[in-house]
Amino acid sequence: MKLIYITLLVSSLAASTVTPKFVANVVPKNMSVQTKKKRFYALVAPAVKKVYSDLMKEYLSVAKDMKNGKNKAKIAALKTTYNVKTDNELLACLKPHPQSIALAQAAMESSWATSRFFVKAYNIFGVWSTNKNEPRIAANEKRGGKRTIWLRKFNSVEASVKAYYRLMARGKAYKEFRALRLKTNDPHQLVKKLDKYSEIGAKYGKELSQVIRFNKLVKYD
């Protein structure tokens, strides 16, 4: 009997430590805050890490080429792609910002990966669509009661993260943000330059900073 009890106890403990398998298009009902965040990190953090790593490799490679005077044609082509003229401007576009910021924005924009846009379209950053020929999803509410707002529809979390980093690298509204991220990796300084990402302006950066601090997201940096 003692052996059976120990076996059952070990099995029970093992079962309690198994990480549940979360999927993006299913939001479990009555999740605790802890489970909601665990699901978010399981679904989003690996994609952010992968995209960040790939972008950082490209950034370091181009920076090295600039220093050594190599691959000038490639660098010229990249400047055309990003619509910049100087090496510094290009590096500012290529350098990815800390993962803590991406995760904080993802959490805020998607209600910790539970929003309809995330569940139905993998759109975790609230990225809008202005191209009627691309996959997209309509918001439930119309802007000003008249205009339909469309958000892009992605085929994976990673695709959504790539599009987000691309937006931050090319969007005119984030020029100051890009310039600053070339000088510092401090997420709390950088988020101050994201006031144009949201209609709430400067308050957006303050809320991002709070999310980063409260959830200790710098550990992902």
N, C-alpha and C. Protein backbone atom coordinates (compact mmCIF):
# COMPACT_ATOMS: atom_id res chain seq x y z
N MET A 1 0.83 -1.21 0.00
CA MET A 1 0.00 0.00 0.00
C MET A 1 0.86 1.26 0.00
N LYS A 2 1.95 1.21 0.78
CA LYS A 2 2.84 2.36 0.87
C LYS A 2 3.45 2.69 -0.48
N LEU A 3 3.85 1.64 -1.22
CA LEU A 3 4.45 1.82 -2.54
C LEU A 3 3.44 2.43 -3.50
N ILE A 4 2.19 1.96 -3.43
CA ILE A 4 1.14 2.50 -4.30
C ILE A 4 0.89 3.97 -4.00
N TYR A 5 0.88 4.30 -2.71
CA TYR A 5 0.64 5.70 -2.30
C TYR A 5 1.75 6.61 -2.83
N ILE A 6 3.01 6.17 -2.69
CA ILE A 6 4.15 6.96 -3.16
C ILE A 6 4.07 7.15 -4.66
N THR A 7 3.70 6.06 -5.37
CA THR A 7 3.58 6.13 -6.83
C THR A 7 2.53 7.14 -7.24
N LEU A 8 1.37 7.10 -6.58
CA LEU A 8 0.29 8.04 -6.88
C LEU A 8 0.69 9.46 -6.56
N LEU A 9 1.44 9.65 -5.47
CA LEU A 9 1.88 10.97 -5.06
C LEU A 9 2.84 11.56 -6.08
N VAL A 10 3.79 10.75 -6.51
CA VAL A 10 4.76 11.20 -7.51
C VAL A 10 4.05 11.56 -8.81
N SER A 11 3.10 10.71 -9.23
CA SER A 11 2.35 10.97 -10.46
C SER A 11 1.57 12.26 -10.37
N SER A 12 0.99 12.50 -9.19
CA SER A 12 0.21 13.72 -8.98
C SER A 12 1.09 14.95 -9.05
N LEU A 13 2.27 14.88 -8.44
CA LEU A 13 3.20 16.01 -8.45
C LEU A 13 3.70 16.28 -9.85
N ALA A 14 3.97 15.21 -10.61
CA ALA A 14 4.44 15.35 -11.99
C ALA A 14 3.38 16.03 -12.84
N ALA A 15 2.14 15.61 -12.64
CA ALA A 15 1.05 16.18 -13.43
C ALA A 15 0.86 17.65 -13.13
N SER A 16 1.09 18.04 -11.87
CA SER A 16 0.88 19.43 -11.48
C SER A 16 1.94 20.36 -12.03
N THR A 17 3.10 19.77 -12.43
CA THR A 17 4.19 20.60 -12.94
C THR A 17 4.21 20.67 -14.46
N VAL A 18 3.31 19.90 -15.11
CA VAL A 18 3.27 19.91 -16.56
C VAL A 18 2.69 21.24 -17.06
N THR A 19 3.40 21.90 -17.95
CA THR A 19 2.93 23.16 -18.50
C THR A 19 1.80 22.90 -19.49
N PRO A 20 0.64 23.51 -19.29
CA PRO A 20 -0.47 23.27 -20.22
C PRO A 20 -0.12 23.78 -21.61
N LYS A 21 -0.67 23.12 -22.63
CA LYS A 21 -0.40 23.51 -24.00
C LYS A 21 -1.42 24.56 -24.41
N PHE A 22 -0.94 25.77 -24.63
CA PHE A 22 -1.82 26.86 -25.01
C PHE A 22 -1.82 27.03 -26.53
N VAL A 23 -2.95 27.43 -27.07
CA VAL A 23 -3.05 27.74 -28.50
C VAL A 23 -3.63 29.13 -28.65
N ALA A 24 -3.23 29.81 -29.71
CA ALA A 24 -3.59 31.22 -29.88
C ALA A 24 -5.08 31.43 -30.10
N ASN A 25 -5.73 30.52 -30.83
CA ASN A 25 -7.13 30.75 -31.18
C ASN A 25 -8.12 30.21 -30.17
N VAL A 26 -7.63 29.81 -29.01
CA VAL A 26 -8.51 29.36 -27.94
C VAL A 26 -8.13 30.06 -26.64
N VAL A 27 -9.09 30.78 -26.08
CA VAL A 27 -8.85 31.46 -24.80
C VAL A 27 -9.60 30.68 -23.72
N PRO A 28 -8.89 30.00 -22.84
CA PRO A 28 -9.56 29.23 -21.78
C PRO A 28 -10.45 30.12 -20.93
N LYS A 29 -11.57 29.58 -20.53
CA LYS A 29 -12.50 30.35 -19.71
C LYS A 29 -12.03 30.41 -18.25
N ASN A 30 -12.39 31.50 -17.60
CA ASN A 30 -12.12 31.67 -16.16
C ASN A 30 -10.64 31.48 -15.81
N MET A 31 -9.76 32.00 -16.66
CA MET A 31 -8.33 31.93 -16.36
C MET A 31 -7.98 32.84 -15.19
N SER A 32 -7.07 32.39 -14.36
CA SER A 32 -6.54 33.27 -13.33
C SER A 32 -5.57 34.22 -14.01
N VAL A 33 -5.21 35.30 -13.34
CA VAL A 33 -4.25 36.25 -13.89
C VAL A 33 -2.92 35.54 -14.17
N GLN A 34 -2.54 34.66 -13.27
CA GLN A 34 -1.29 33.92 -13.43
C GLN A 34 -1.31 33.05 -14.67
N THR A 35 -2.43 32.35 -14.89
CA THR A 35 -2.54 31.49 -16.07
C THR A 35 -2.60 32.31 -17.35
N LYS A 36 -3.29 33.44 -17.30
CA LYS A 36 -3.39 34.31 -18.47
C LYS A 36 -2.00 34.78 -18.91
N LYS A 37 -1.19 35.17 -17.94
CA LYS A 37 0.16 35.65 -18.27
C LYS A 37 1.05 34.49 -18.72
N LYS A 38 0.87 33.34 -18.11
CA LYS A 38 1.66 32.17 -18.51
C LYS A 38 1.36 31.82 -19.97
N ARG A 39 0.07 31.90 -20.33
CA ARG A 39 -0.34 31.63 -21.72
C ARG A 39 0.26 32.68 -22.66
N PHE A 40 0.23 33.92 -22.24
CA PHE A 40 0.78 35.01 -23.06
C PHE A 40 2.26 34.78 -23.34
N TYR A 41 3.02 34.53 -22.30
CA TYR A 41 4.47 34.33 -22.48
C TYR A 41 4.76 33.10 -23.34
N ALA A 42 3.97 32.04 -23.15
CA ALA A 42 4.19 30.82 -23.93
C ALA A 42 3.94 31.06 -25.41
N LEU A 43 2.95 31.88 -25.73
CA LEU A 43 2.58 32.11 -27.13
C LEU A 43 3.40 33.21 -27.79
N VAL A 44 3.78 34.21 -27.01
CA VAL A 44 4.39 35.41 -27.61
C VAL A 44 5.90 35.53 -27.43
N ALA A 45 6.39 35.23 -26.25
CA ALA A 45 7.81 35.44 -25.96
C ALA A 45 8.76 34.72 -26.93
N PRO A 46 8.51 33.45 -27.31
CA PRO A 46 9.42 32.78 -28.25
C PRO A 46 9.49 33.49 -29.60
N ALA A 47 8.36 33.98 -30.09
CA ALA A 47 8.34 34.68 -31.38
C ALA A 47 9.10 36.00 -31.30
N VAL A 48 8.91 36.72 -30.22
CA VAL A 48 9.64 37.99 -30.03
C VAL A 48 11.14 37.73 -29.97
N LYS A 49 11.52 36.69 -29.24
CA LYS A 49 12.94 36.35 -29.13
C LYS A 49 13.54 35.99 -30.49
N LYS A 50 12.80 35.21 -31.28
CA LYS A 50 13.28 34.78 -32.60
C LYS A 50 13.46 35.98 -33.54
N VAL A 51 12.45 36.82 -33.62
CA VAL A 51 12.51 37.98 -34.52
C VAL A 51 13.60 38.95 -34.06
N TYR A 52 13.67 39.19 -32.77
CA TYR A 52 14.70 40.10 -32.23
C TYR A 52 16.10 39.58 -32.56
N SER A 53 16.30 38.29 -32.37
CA SER A 53 17.61 37.69 -32.64
C SER A 53 17.99 37.83 -34.10
N ASP A 54 17.05 37.57 -35.00
CA ASP A 54 17.33 37.68 -36.43
C ASP A 54 17.66 39.12 -36.82
N LEU A 55 16.91 40.07 -36.28
CA LEU A 55 17.14 41.47 -36.60
C LEU A 55 18.47 41.97 -36.03
N MET A 56 18.80 41.51 -34.84
CA MET A 56 20.06 41.92 -34.22
C MET A 56 21.25 41.40 -35.01
N LYS A 57 21.14 40.18 -35.53
CA LYS A 57 22.22 39.62 -36.35
C LYS A 57 22.44 40.47 -37.60
N GLU A 58 21.34 40.88 -38.23
CA GLU A 58 21.46 41.71 -39.43
C GLU A 58 22.06 43.07 -39.08
N TYR A 59 21.61 43.65 -37.99
CA TYR A 59 22.13 44.95 -37.55
C TYR A 59 23.64 44.89 -37.30
N LEU A 60 24.08 43.88 -36.57
CA LEU A 60 25.50 43.74 -36.26
C LEU A 60 26.33 43.48 -37.51
N SER A 61 25.77 42.70 -38.43
CA SER A 61 26.45 42.39 -39.69
C SER A 61 26.65 43.65 -40.53
N VAL A 62 25.59 44.45 -40.65
CA VAL A 62 25.68 45.69 -41.43
C VAL A 62 26.62 46.68 -40.76
N ALA A 63 26.55 46.78 -39.45
CA ALA A 63 27.44 47.69 -38.71
C ALA A 63 28.91 47.30 -38.94
N LYS A 64 29.17 46.00 -38.96
CA LYS A 64 30.52 45.50 -39.20
C LYS A 64 30.98 45.82 -40.61
N ASP A 65 30.07 45.63 -41.58
CA ASP A 65 30.40 45.93 -42.97
C ASP A 65 30.70 47.42 -43.16
N MET A 66 29.93 48.27 -42.50
CA MET A 66 30.17 49.70 -42.58
C MET A 66 31.56 50.06 -42.04
N LYS A 67 31.89 49.44 -40.94
CA LYS A 67 33.18 49.71 -40.31
C LYS A 67 34.34 49.26 -41.18
N ASN A 68 34.16 48.13 -41.88
CA ASN A 68 35.22 47.55 -42.70
C ASN A 68 35.16 47.96 -44.17
N GLY A 69 34.14 48.75 -44.51
CA GLY A 69 33.99 49.20 -45.89
C GLY A 69 33.62 48.11 -46.86
N LYS A 70 32.88 47.12 -46.40
CA LYS A 70 32.48 45.99 -47.25
C LYS A 70 30.99 46.05 -47.61
N ASN A 71 30.64 45.26 -48.63
CA ASN A 71 29.25 45.12 -49.06
C ASN A 71 28.54 46.46 -49.24
N LYS A 72 29.19 47.36 -49.94
CA LYS A 72 28.65 48.71 -50.12
C LYS A 72 27.35 48.70 -50.95
N ALA A 73 27.27 47.81 -51.90
CA ALA A 73 26.06 47.72 -52.73
C ALA A 73 24.86 47.30 -51.89
N LYS A 74 25.09 46.35 -51.00
CA LYS A 74 24.02 45.88 -50.12
C LYS A 74 23.56 47.00 -49.19
N ILE A 75 24.51 47.73 -48.66
CA ILE A 75 24.18 48.82 -47.76
C ILE A 75 23.40 49.92 -48.49
N ALA A 76 23.82 50.20 -49.72
CA ALA A 76 23.11 51.20 -50.53
C ALA A 76 21.68 50.76 -50.80
N ALA A 77 21.50 49.47 -51.06
CA ALA A 77 20.16 48.93 -51.32
C ALA A 77 19.29 49.03 -50.07
N LEU A 78 19.88 48.78 -48.93
CA LEU A 78 19.13 48.88 -47.68
C LEU A 78 18.71 50.32 -47.39
N LYS A 79 19.58 51.26 -47.74
CA LYS A 79 19.23 52.67 -47.54
C LYS A 79 18.04 53.06 -48.41
N THR A 80 18.00 52.50 -49.60
CA THR A 80 16.85 52.75 -50.48
C THR A 80 15.59 52.14 -49.90
N THR A 81 15.71 50.92 -49.39
CA THR A 81 14.58 50.21 -48.80
C THR A 81 13.99 50.99 -47.63
N TYR A 82 14.88 51.52 -46.78
CA TYR A 82 14.42 52.23 -45.59
C TYR A 82 14.29 53.74 -45.80
N ASN A 83 14.57 54.18 -47.03
CA ASN A 83 14.42 55.59 -47.39
C ASN A 83 15.25 56.51 -46.48
N VAL A 84 16.52 56.17 -46.33
CA VAL A 84 17.44 56.98 -45.52
C VAL A 84 18.70 57.26 -46.34
N LYS A 85 19.49 58.20 -45.87
CA LYS A 85 20.69 58.60 -46.62
C LYS A 85 21.99 58.27 -45.90
N THR A 86 22.01 58.36 -44.59
CA THR A 86 23.26 58.18 -43.86
C THR A 86 23.37 56.79 -43.23
N ASP A 87 24.61 56.42 -42.89
CA ASP A 87 24.84 55.14 -42.22
C ASP A 87 24.11 55.09 -40.88
N ASN A 88 24.19 56.19 -40.13
CA ASN A 88 23.55 56.23 -38.82
C ASN A 88 22.04 56.06 -38.91
N GLU A 89 21.45 56.68 -39.90
CA GLU A 89 20.01 56.55 -40.08
C GLU A 89 19.63 55.10 -40.39
N LEU A 90 20.44 54.44 -41.19
CA LEU A 90 20.18 53.05 -41.53
C LEU A 90 20.32 52.16 -40.29
N LEU A 91 21.38 52.38 -39.53
CA LEU A 91 21.59 51.59 -38.32
C LEU A 91 20.45 51.79 -37.32
N ALA A 92 19.93 53.02 -37.26
CA ALA A 92 18.81 53.30 -36.37
C ALA A 92 17.57 52.51 -36.79
N CYS A 93 17.42 52.31 -38.09
CA CYS A 93 16.29 51.52 -38.60
C CYS A 93 16.49 50.04 -38.32
N LEU A 94 17.71 49.59 -38.44
CA LEU A 94 17.99 48.15 -38.34
C LEU A 94 18.08 47.64 -36.90
N LYS A 95 18.50 48.50 -35.98
CA LYS A 95 18.68 48.03 -34.61
C LYS A 95 17.33 47.78 -33.94
N PRO A 96 17.07 46.55 -33.51
CA PRO A 96 15.79 46.26 -32.85
C PRO A 96 15.80 46.76 -31.41
N HIS A 97 14.66 47.25 -30.97
CA HIS A 97 14.57 47.71 -29.58
C HIS A 97 14.39 46.52 -28.65
N PRO A 98 14.62 46.71 -27.35
CA PRO A 98 14.57 45.61 -26.37
C PRO A 98 13.26 44.83 -26.41
N GLN A 99 13.39 43.54 -26.15
CA GLN A 99 12.23 42.66 -26.14
C GLN A 99 11.21 43.05 -25.08
N SER A 100 11.67 43.65 -24.01
CA SER A 100 10.76 44.06 -22.94
C SER A 100 9.71 45.03 -23.45
N ILE A 101 10.11 45.92 -24.35
CA ILE A 101 9.17 46.89 -24.92
C ILE A 101 8.15 46.17 -25.81
N ALA A 102 8.64 45.28 -26.66
CA ALA A 102 7.75 44.54 -27.56
C ALA A 102 6.74 43.73 -26.76
N LEU A 103 7.19 43.09 -25.69
CA LEU A 103 6.29 42.28 -24.87
C LEU A 103 5.28 43.15 -24.13
N ALA A 104 5.72 44.29 -23.64
CA ALA A 104 4.81 45.20 -22.94
C ALA A 104 3.74 45.73 -23.89
N GLN A 105 4.15 46.10 -25.10
CA GLN A 105 3.17 46.57 -26.07
C GLN A 105 2.21 45.45 -26.48
N ALA A 106 2.75 44.27 -26.66
CA ALA A 106 1.91 43.12 -27.02
C ALA A 106 0.87 42.86 -25.93
N ALA A 107 1.30 42.93 -24.69
CA ALA A 107 0.39 42.70 -23.56
C ALA A 107 -0.72 43.74 -23.53
N MET A 108 -0.34 45.01 -23.71
CA MET A 108 -1.32 46.08 -23.66
C MET A 108 -2.26 46.06 -24.85
N GLU A 109 -1.72 45.88 -26.03
CA GLU A 109 -2.52 45.96 -27.25
C GLU A 109 -3.45 44.75 -27.44
N SER A 110 -3.11 43.63 -26.84
CA SER A 110 -3.90 42.41 -27.05
C SER A 110 -4.58 41.92 -25.79
N SER A 111 -4.55 42.73 -24.72
CA SER A 111 -5.11 42.28 -23.43
C SER A 111 -4.53 40.92 -23.06
N TRP A 112 -3.21 40.84 -23.11
CA TRP A 112 -2.47 39.63 -22.77
C TRP A 112 -2.91 38.44 -23.65
N ALA A 113 -2.95 38.71 -24.95
CA ALA A 113 -3.23 37.67 -25.96
C ALA A 113 -4.63 37.08 -25.85
N THR A 114 -5.59 37.90 -25.43
CA THR A 114 -6.97 37.43 -25.35
C THR A 114 -7.91 38.23 -26.25
N SER A 115 -7.41 39.25 -26.91
CA SER A 115 -8.27 40.09 -27.75
C SER A 115 -8.78 39.33 -28.97
N ARG A 116 -9.87 39.81 -29.54
CA ARG A 116 -10.44 39.19 -30.75
C ARG A 116 -9.45 39.27 -31.90
N PHE A 117 -8.72 40.37 -31.98
CA PHE A 117 -7.77 40.54 -33.08
C PHE A 117 -6.63 39.53 -32.99
N PHE A 118 -6.23 39.21 -31.77
CA PHE A 118 -5.18 38.21 -31.63
C PHE A 118 -5.71 36.81 -31.91
N VAL A 119 -6.85 36.49 -31.32
CA VAL A 119 -7.42 35.15 -31.45
C VAL A 119 -7.80 34.83 -32.90
N LYS A 120 -8.36 35.81 -33.60
CA LYS A 120 -8.84 35.56 -34.96
C LYS A 120 -7.86 35.96 -36.07
N ALA A 121 -6.86 36.80 -35.72
CA ALA A 121 -5.97 37.31 -36.78
C ALA A 121 -4.50 37.35 -36.39
N TYR A 122 -4.14 36.81 -35.24
CA TYR A 122 -2.75 36.85 -34.76
C TYR A 122 -2.22 38.29 -34.70
N ASN A 123 -3.11 39.27 -34.69
CA ASN A 123 -2.67 40.67 -34.66
C ASN A 123 -2.52 41.07 -33.21
N ILE A 124 -1.30 41.05 -32.74
CA ILE A 124 -1.06 41.27 -31.31
C ILE A 124 -0.68 42.71 -30.97
N PHE A 125 -0.36 43.49 -32.00
CA PHE A 125 0.07 44.87 -31.75
C PHE A 125 -0.92 45.92 -32.27
N GLY A 126 -2.09 45.49 -32.66
CA GLY A 126 -3.09 46.43 -33.15
C GLY A 126 -2.68 47.14 -34.43
N VAL A 127 -1.95 46.43 -35.30
CA VAL A 127 -1.46 47.03 -36.55
C VAL A 127 -2.61 47.18 -37.54
N TRP A 128 -2.82 48.40 -38.01
CA TRP A 128 -3.91 48.69 -38.93
C TRP A 128 -3.59 48.22 -40.35
N SER A 129 -4.63 48.12 -41.15
CA SER A 129 -4.49 47.79 -42.57
C SER A 129 -5.15 48.88 -43.41
N THR A 130 -4.43 49.32 -44.42
CA THR A 130 -4.97 50.31 -45.37
C THR A 130 -5.05 49.73 -46.77
N ASN A 131 -4.68 48.46 -46.89
CA ASN A 131 -4.67 47.78 -48.18
C ASN A 131 -5.80 46.76 -48.23
N LYS A 132 -6.81 47.04 -49.05
CA LYS A 132 -7.98 46.16 -49.11
C LYS A 132 -7.67 44.80 -49.73
N ASN A 133 -6.50 44.67 -50.35
CA ASN A 133 -6.13 43.42 -50.99
C ASN A 133 -5.36 42.47 -50.08
N GLU A 134 -5.02 42.92 -48.89
CA GLU A 134 -4.30 42.04 -47.97
C GLU A 134 -5.29 41.44 -46.96
N PRO A 135 -4.94 40.30 -46.38
CA PRO A 135 -5.81 39.69 -45.37
C PRO A 135 -6.00 40.66 -44.20
N ARG A 136 -7.25 40.87 -43.78
CA ARG A 136 -7.50 41.79 -42.69
C ARG A 136 -8.82 41.50 -42.01
N ILE A 137 -9.04 42.16 -40.90
CA ILE A 137 -10.24 41.94 -40.10
C ILE A 137 -10.77 43.29 -39.64
N ALA A 138 -12.08 43.44 -39.65
CA ALA A 138 -12.69 44.72 -39.29
C ALA A 138 -12.89 44.83 -37.79
N ALA A 139 -12.71 46.04 -37.28
CA ALA A 139 -13.00 46.30 -35.87
C ALA A 139 -14.51 46.34 -35.68
N ASN A 140 -14.96 46.03 -34.49
CA ASN A 140 -16.40 46.02 -34.23
C ASN A 140 -17.00 47.42 -34.24
N GLU A 141 -16.20 48.40 -33.81
CA GLU A 141 -16.67 49.77 -33.75
C GLU A 141 -16.09 50.58 -34.90
N LYS A 142 -16.89 51.49 -35.43
CA LYS A 142 -16.43 52.35 -36.51
C LYS A 142 -15.89 53.66 -35.95
N ARG A 143 -14.85 54.17 -36.58
CA ARG A 143 -14.24 55.42 -36.14
C ARG A 143 -15.19 56.58 -36.42
N GLY A 144 -15.50 57.32 -35.39
CA GLY A 144 -16.42 58.42 -35.56
C GLY A 144 -17.82 57.96 -35.90
N GLY A 145 -18.07 56.68 -35.68
CA GLY A 145 -19.38 56.13 -35.98
C GLY A 145 -19.63 55.87 -37.46
N LYS A 146 -18.64 56.17 -38.31
CA LYS A 146 -18.83 56.05 -39.75
C LYS A 146 -17.78 55.18 -40.44
N ARG A 147 -16.52 55.44 -40.13
CA ARG A 147 -15.42 54.80 -40.86
C ARG A 147 -15.03 53.46 -40.25
N THR A 148 -14.99 52.43 -41.09
CA THR A 148 -14.57 51.10 -40.63
C THR A 148 -13.07 51.05 -40.46
N ILE A 149 -12.65 50.56 -39.33
CA ILE A 149 -11.23 50.39 -39.05
C ILE A 149 -10.85 48.94 -39.34
N TRP A 150 -9.83 48.76 -40.14
CA TRP A 150 -9.35 47.42 -40.49
C TRP A 150 -8.00 47.15 -39.85
N LEU A 151 -7.81 45.94 -39.38
CA LEU A 151 -6.53 45.52 -38.84
C LEU A 151 -6.01 44.35 -39.65
N ARG A 152 -4.69 44.28 -39.77
CA ARG A 152 -4.08 43.23 -40.57
C ARG A 152 -4.30 41.85 -39.95
N LYS A 153 -4.40 40.88 -40.83
CA LYS A 153 -4.55 39.50 -40.40
C LYS A 153 -3.28 38.74 -40.76
N PHE A 154 -2.68 38.10 -39.77
CA PHE A 154 -1.43 37.37 -39.97
C PHE A 154 -1.66 35.87 -39.87
N ASN A 155 -0.69 35.10 -40.36
CA ASN A 155 -0.83 33.65 -40.31
C ASN A 155 -0.07 33.02 -39.15
N SER A 156 0.60 33.85 -38.35
CA SER A 156 1.30 33.35 -37.17
C SER A 156 1.68 34.50 -36.25
N VAL A 157 2.02 34.16 -35.02
CA VAL A 157 2.48 35.17 -34.07
C VAL A 157 3.78 35.78 -34.56
N GLU A 158 4.67 34.95 -35.09
CA GLU A 158 5.96 35.44 -35.57
C GLU A 158 5.79 36.44 -36.70
N ALA A 159 4.87 36.18 -37.60
CA ALA A 159 4.61 37.11 -38.71
C ALA A 159 4.12 38.45 -38.16
N SER A 160 3.31 38.40 -37.14
CA SER A 160 2.80 39.62 -36.51
C SER A 160 3.93 40.41 -35.87
N VAL A 161 4.83 39.71 -35.19
CA VAL A 161 5.97 40.37 -34.54
C VAL A 161 6.89 41.01 -35.59
N LYS A 162 7.12 40.30 -36.70
CA LYS A 162 7.96 40.84 -37.77
C LYS A 162 7.36 42.12 -38.33
N ALA A 163 6.06 42.13 -38.55
CA ALA A 163 5.39 43.30 -39.10
C ALA A 163 5.47 44.48 -38.13
N TYR A 164 5.38 44.19 -36.86
CA TYR A 164 5.48 45.23 -35.83
C TYR A 164 6.87 45.87 -35.82
N TYR A 165 7.91 45.04 -35.82
CA TYR A 165 9.27 45.59 -35.83
C TYR A 165 9.53 46.34 -37.13
N ARG A 166 8.95 45.87 -38.23
CA ARG A 166 9.10 46.56 -39.51
C ARG A 166 8.43 47.93 -39.46
N LEU A 167 7.28 47.99 -38.84
CA LEU A 167 6.57 49.27 -38.67
C LEU A 167 7.40 50.26 -37.86
N MET A 168 8.01 49.78 -36.80
CA MET A 168 8.82 50.65 -35.95
C MET A 168 10.10 51.09 -36.66
N ALA A 169 10.55 50.28 -37.62
CA ALA A 169 11.78 50.59 -38.34
C ALA A 169 11.54 51.57 -39.49
N ARG A 170 10.30 51.65 -39.98
CA ARG A 170 10.04 52.46 -41.17
C ARG A 170 9.04 53.60 -40.96
N GLY A 171 8.19 53.49 -39.98
CA GLY A 171 7.15 54.49 -39.77
C GLY A 171 7.72 55.87 -39.47
N LYS A 172 7.20 56.87 -40.14
CA LYS A 172 7.66 58.25 -39.93
C LYS A 172 7.43 58.71 -38.49
N ALA A 173 6.39 58.22 -37.88
CA ALA A 173 6.04 58.64 -36.53
C ALA A 173 7.05 58.19 -35.48
N TYR A 174 7.91 57.24 -35.85
CA TYR A 174 8.85 56.67 -34.87
C TYR A 174 10.30 57.03 -35.15
N LYS A 175 10.52 58.12 -35.86
CA LYS A 175 11.87 58.54 -36.20
C LYS A 175 12.68 58.87 -34.95
N GLU A 176 12.08 59.59 -34.01
CA GLU A 176 12.78 59.94 -32.76
C GLU A 176 13.04 58.69 -31.93
N PHE A 177 12.10 57.78 -31.94
CA PHE A 177 12.26 56.52 -31.23
C PHE A 177 13.45 55.74 -31.78
N ARG A 178 13.56 55.68 -33.11
CA ARG A 178 14.67 54.97 -33.74
C ARG A 178 16.01 55.62 -33.41
N ALA A 179 16.04 56.93 -33.45
CA ALA A 179 17.29 57.65 -33.15
C ALA A 179 17.74 57.37 -31.72
N LEU A 180 16.79 57.33 -30.81
CA LEU A 180 17.14 57.10 -29.41
C LEU A 180 17.56 55.67 -29.16
N ARG A 181 16.93 54.70 -29.83
CA ARG A 181 17.29 53.31 -29.57
C ARG A 181 18.67 52.97 -30.10
N LEU A 182 19.23 53.85 -30.93
CA LEU A 182 20.60 53.65 -31.39
C LEU A 182 21.58 54.08 -30.29
N LYS A 183 21.09 54.92 -29.37
CA LYS A 183 21.93 55.45 -28.31
C LYS A 183 21.78 54.72 -26.97
N THR A 184 20.61 54.14 -26.75
CA THR A 184 20.38 53.49 -25.46
C THR A 184 19.48 52.27 -25.61
N ASN A 185 19.63 51.33 -24.67
CA ASN A 185 18.76 50.17 -24.61
C ASN A 185 17.83 50.24 -23.40
N ASP A 186 17.81 51.38 -22.74
CA ASP A 186 16.97 51.56 -21.56
C ASP A 186 15.50 51.63 -21.98
N PRO A 187 14.72 50.60 -21.68
CA PRO A 187 13.32 50.59 -22.14
C PRO A 187 12.49 51.73 -21.57
N HIS A 188 12.81 52.15 -20.37
CA HIS A 188 12.03 53.21 -19.73
C HIS A 188 12.28 54.57 -20.37
N GLN A 189 13.44 54.76 -20.96
CA GLN A 189 13.71 55.97 -21.72
C GLN A 189 13.08 55.89 -23.10
N LEU A 190 13.19 54.73 -23.70
CA LEU A 190 12.71 54.55 -25.07
C LEU A 190 11.19 54.68 -25.19
N VAL A 191 10.46 54.15 -24.22
CA VAL A 191 9.00 54.17 -24.34
C VAL A 191 8.43 55.59 -24.31
N LYS A 192 9.22 56.55 -23.84
CA LYS A 192 8.76 57.94 -23.83
C LYS A 192 8.58 58.46 -25.26
N LYS A 193 9.25 57.82 -26.20
CA LYS A 193 9.17 58.24 -27.59
C LYS A 193 8.10 57.47 -28.38
N LEU A 194 7.25 56.74 -27.67
CA LEU A 194 6.19 55.99 -28.33
C LEU A 194 4.82 56.65 -28.16
N ASP A 195 4.83 57.93 -27.90
CA ASP A 195 3.58 58.65 -27.68
C ASP A 195 2.68 58.66 -28.92
N LYS A 196 3.29 58.50 -30.10
CA LYS A 196 2.51 58.51 -31.34
C LYS A 196 1.94 57.14 -31.69
N TYR A 197 2.26 56.13 -30.91
CA TYR A 197 1.74 54.79 -31.19
C TYR A 197 0.27 54.68 -30.77
N SER A 198 -0.09 55.49 -29.81
CA SER A 198 -1.44 55.40 -29.26
C SER A 198 -2.10 56.77 -29.18
N GLU A 199 -3.41 56.76 -29.20
CA GLU A 199 -4.17 58.01 -29.10
C GLU A 199 -4.07 58.64 -27.72
N ILE A 200 -3.60 57.90 -26.73
CA ILE A 200 -3.49 58.48 -25.39
C ILE A 200 -2.17 59.23 -25.20
N GLY A 201 -1.35 59.27 -26.25
CA GLY A 201 -0.14 60.09 -26.23
C GLY A 201 0.90 59.70 -25.20
N ALA A 202 1.39 60.69 -24.45
CA ALA A 202 2.48 60.47 -23.50
C ALA A 202 2.10 59.46 -22.42
N LYS A 203 0.82 59.35 -22.13
CA LYS A 203 0.37 58.40 -21.11
C LYS A 203 0.70 56.97 -21.51
N TYR A 204 0.76 56.73 -22.81
CA TYR A 204 1.04 55.39 -23.32
C TYR A 204 2.42 54.91 -22.86
N GLY A 205 3.42 55.79 -22.98
CA GLY A 205 4.76 55.44 -22.55
C GLY A 205 4.83 55.16 -21.07
N LYS A 206 4.11 55.94 -20.29
CA LYS A 206 4.09 55.74 -18.84
C LYS A 206 3.48 54.39 -18.48
N GLU A 207 2.41 54.03 -19.18
CA GLU A 207 1.77 52.75 -18.92
C GLU A 207 2.67 51.58 -19.34
N LEU A 208 3.36 51.74 -20.46
CA LEU A 208 4.30 50.71 -20.88
C LEU A 208 5.40 50.50 -19.84
N SER A 209 5.90 51.60 -19.33
CA SER A 209 6.95 51.54 -18.32
C SER A 209 6.47 50.80 -17.07
N GLN A 210 5.22 51.05 -16.69
CA GLN A 210 4.65 50.37 -15.53
C GLN A 210 4.50 48.87 -15.78
N VAL A 211 4.08 48.51 -16.98
CA VAL A 211 3.93 47.09 -17.32
C VAL A 211 5.29 46.40 -17.28
N ILE A 212 6.31 47.07 -17.81
CA ILE A 212 7.66 46.50 -17.82
C ILE A 212 8.16 46.28 -16.39
N ARG A 213 7.96 47.28 -15.54
CA ARG A 213 8.44 47.19 -14.15
C ARG A 213 7.67 46.13 -13.37
N PHE A 214 6.35 46.20 -13.42
CA PHE A 214 5.51 45.30 -12.60
C PHE A 214 5.74 43.84 -12.98
N ASN A 215 5.92 43.58 -14.28
CA ASN A 215 6.09 42.19 -14.73
C ASN A 215 7.54 41.78 -14.93
N LYS A 216 8.45 42.69 -14.53
CA LYS A 216 9.89 42.40 -14.60
C LYS A 216 10.30 41.92 -16.00
N LEU A 217 9.84 42.63 -17.01
CA LEU A 217 10.08 42.21 -18.39
C LEU A 217 11.52 42.42 -18.85
N VAL A 218 12.29 43.20 -18.09
CA VAL A 218 13.69 43.42 -18.50
C VAL A 218 14.48 42.11 -18.48
N LYS A 219 13.94 41.10 -17.81
CA LYS A 219 14.64 39.80 -17.80
C LYS A 219 14.70 39.20 -19.20
N TYR A 220 13.83 39.65 -20.09
CA TYR A 220 13.86 39.16 -21.47
C TYR A 220 14.90 39.91 -22.32
N ASP A 221 15.48 40.98 -21.75
CA ASP A 221 16.49 41.74 -22.47
C ASP A 221 17.88 41.18 -22.19
